[in-house]
Amino acid sequence: MKALAALALWMILWRSPPRVALESDMAVHMTVQLPLLARVCLVLASVLRPREPRWLIEANWIGIPELLAIVLVTSFDAAAYARRRIG
């Protein structure tokens, strides 16, 4: 049930009108949106952790999944920011 609530919150934060409203002001973005997204990730991680594949557990000791996630998230965020600035 917590996972469904977390996914619903993520979908709300992902949709354009709420996302644009939250990201239009840096203070709101940093104090509201990012903590909500961090909470969503913590809830989803606690739900998905028992189902984590063995190969991912073994690769995790050197931090490969986390580094990959960081690169993907920052690349997507930078591309979205560039699109907003250009268009």
C-alpha atoms as a PDB file:
ATOM      1  CA  MET A   1       0.000   0.000   0.000  1.00  0.00           C
ATOM      2  CA  LYS A   2       2.877   2.370   0.795  1.00  0.00           C
ATOM      3  CA  ALA A   3       4.390   1.641  -2.597  1.00  0.00           C
ATOM      4  CA  LEU A   4       1.174   2.589  -4.387  1.00  0.00           C
ATOM      5  CA  ALA A   5       0.967   5.828  -2.417  1.00  0.00           C
ATOM      6  CA  ALA A   6       4.617   6.586  -3.240  1.00  0.00           C
ATOM      7  CA  LEU A   7       4.051   5.878  -6.932  1.00  0.00           C
ATOM      8  CA  ALA A   8       0.943   8.073  -6.932  1.00  0.00           C
ATOM      9  CA  LEU A   9       2.894  10.929  -5.323  1.00  0.00           C
ATOM     10  CA  TRP A  10       5.703  10.481  -7.851  1.00  0.00           C
ATOM     11  CA  MET A  11       3.209  10.616 -10.733  1.00  0.00           C
ATOM     12  CA  ILE A  12       1.688  13.811  -9.311  1.00  0.00           C
ATOM     13  CA  LEU A  13       5.132  15.407  -8.959  1.00  0.00           C
ATOM     14  CA  TRP A  14       6.077  14.240 -12.463  1.00  0.00           C
ATOM     15  CA  ARG A  15       3.056  15.731 -14.224  1.00  0.00           C
ATOM     16  CA  SER A  16       3.673  19.065 -15.897  1.00  0.00           C
ATOM     17  CA  PRO A  17       1.433  21.554 -14.016  1.00  0.00           C
ATOM     18  CA  PRO A  18       2.549  20.616 -10.476  1.00  0.00           C
ATOM     19  CA  ARG A  19       6.155  20.129 -11.560  1.00  0.00           C
ATOM     20  CA  VAL A  20       6.345  23.489 -13.311  1.00  0.00           C
ATOM     21  CA  ALA A  21       4.742  25.215 -10.323  1.00  0.00           C
ATOM     22  CA  LEU A  22       7.189  23.605  -7.888  1.00  0.00           C
ATOM     23  CA  GLU A  23      10.231  24.212 -10.086  1.00  0.00           C
ATOM     24  CA  SER A  24       9.402  27.838 -10.868  1.00  0.00           C
ATOM     25  CA  ASP A  25      10.663  28.961  -7.462  1.00  0.00           C
ATOM     26  CA  MET A  26      14.012  27.598  -6.266  1.00  0.00           C
ATOM     27  CA  ALA A  27      13.063  27.806  -2.581  1.00  0.00           C
ATOM     28  CA  VAL A  28       9.885  25.770  -3.109  1.00  0.00           C
ATOM     29  CA  HIS A  29      11.758  23.330  -5.314  1.00  0.00           C
ATOM     30  CA  MET A  30      14.437  22.736  -2.679  1.00  0.00           C
ATOM     31  CA  THR A  31      12.191  22.703   0.406  1.00  0.00           C
ATOM     32  CA  VAL A  32       9.110  20.923  -0.946  1.00  0.00           C
ATOM     33  CA  GLN A  33       9.711  18.987  -4.164  1.00  0.00           C
ATOM     34  CA  LEU A  34      13.118  17.444  -3.457  1.00  0.00           C
ATOM     35  CA  PRO A  35      12.222  16.186   0.048  1.00  0.00           C
ATOM     36  CA  LEU A  36       9.023  14.664  -1.339  1.00  0.00           C
ATOM     37  CA  LEU A  37      10.969  12.938  -4.105  1.00  0.00           C
ATOM     38  CA  ALA A  38      13.541  11.691  -1.589  1.00  0.00           C
ATOM     39  CA  ARG A  39      10.734  10.266   0.570  1.00  0.00           C
ATOM     40  CA  VAL A  40       9.212   8.538  -2.475  1.00  0.00           C
ATOM     41  CA  CYS A  41      12.592   6.967  -3.248  1.00  0.00           C
ATOM     42  CA  LEU A  42      13.050   5.766   0.339  1.00  0.00           C
ATOM     43  CA  VAL A  43       9.617   4.149   0.386  1.00  0.00           C
ATOM     44  CA  LEU A  44      10.113   2.488  -2.998  1.00  0.00           C
ATOM     45  CA  ALA A  45      13.593   1.308  -2.012  1.00  0.00           C
ATOM     46  CA  SER A  46      12.260  -0.323   1.147  1.00  0.00           C
ATOM     47  CA  VAL A  47       9.589  -2.116  -0.888  1.00  0.00           C
ATOM     48  CA  LEU A  48      11.880  -3.189  -3.733  1.00  0.00           C
ATOM     49  CA  ARG A  49      14.892  -4.174  -1.613  1.00  0.00           C
ATOM     50  CA  PRO A  50      13.670  -7.726  -0.816  1.00  0.00           C
ATOM     51  CA  ARG A  51      13.103  -8.342  -4.548  1.00  0.00           C
ATOM     52  CA  GLU A  52      16.525  -7.071  -5.608  1.00  0.00           C
ATOM     53  CA  PRO A  53      18.279  -9.450  -8.027  1.00  0.00           C
ATOM     54  CA  ARG A  54      21.403 -11.247  -6.826  1.00  0.00           C
ATOM     55  CA  TRP A  55      23.625  -9.692  -9.545  1.00  0.00           C
ATOM     56  CA  LEU A  56      22.637  -6.207  -8.417  1.00  0.00           C
ATOM     57  CA  ILE A  57      23.411  -7.031  -4.787  1.00  0.00           C
ATOM     58  CA  GLU A  58      26.860  -8.290  -5.811  1.00  0.00           C
ATOM     59  CA  ALA A  59      27.537  -5.214  -7.971  1.00  0.00           C
ATOM     60  CA  ASN A  60      26.442  -2.881  -5.194  1.00  0.00           C
ATOM     61  CA  TRP A  61      29.599  -3.274  -3.091  1.00  0.00           C
ATOM     62  CA  ILE A  62      31.447  -0.859  -5.391  1.00  0.00           C
ATOM     63  CA  GLY A  63      28.460   1.456  -5.896  1.00  0.00           C
ATOM     64  CA  ILE A  64      27.785   0.829  -9.594  1.00  0.00           C
ATOM     65  CA  PRO A  65      23.955   1.013  -9.356  1.00  0.00           C
ATOM     66  CA  GLU A  66      24.079   4.249  -7.368  1.00  0.00           C
ATOM     67  CA  LEU A  67      26.558   5.870  -9.731  1.00  0.00           C
ATOM     68  CA  LEU A  68      24.475   4.840 -12.722  1.00  0.00           C
ATOM     69  CA  ALA A  69      21.321   6.231 -11.111  1.00  0.00           C
ATOM     70  CA  ILE A  70      23.064   9.521 -10.318  1.00  0.00           C
ATOM     71  CA  VAL A  71      24.340   9.877 -13.889  1.00  0.00           C
ATOM     72  CA  LEU A  72      20.926   9.116 -15.388  1.00  0.00           C
ATOM     73  CA  VAL A  73      19.030  11.459 -13.060  1.00  0.00           C
ATOM     74  CA  THR A  74      21.439  14.367 -13.447  1.00  0.00           C
ATOM     75  CA  SER A  75      21.599  13.905 -17.225  1.00  0.00           C
ATOM     76  CA  PHE A  76      17.819  13.894 -17.499  1.00  0.00           C
ATOM     77  CA  ASP A  77      17.516  16.923 -15.227  1.00  0.00           C
ATOM     78  CA  ALA A  78      20.172  18.851 -17.167  1.00  0.00           C
ATOM     79  CA  ALA A  79      18.520  18.011 -20.500  1.00  0.00           C
ATOM     80  CA  ALA A  80      15.101  19.063 -19.199  1.00  0.00           C
ATOM     81  CA  TYR A  81      16.554  22.319 -17.889  1.00  0.00           C
ATOM     82  CA  ALA A  82      18.239  23.013 -21.239  1.00  0.00           C
ATOM     83  CA  ARG A  83      15.005  22.366 -23.123  1.00  0.00           C
ATOM     84  CA  ARG A  84      13.125  24.812 -20.898  1.00  0.00           C
ATOM     85  CA  ARG A  85      15.772  27.478 -21.349  1.00  0.00           C
ATOM     86  CA  ILE A  86      15.954  27.110 -25.147  1.00  0.00           C
ATOM     87  CA  GLY A  87      12.282  26.594 -25.889  1.00  0.00           C
END
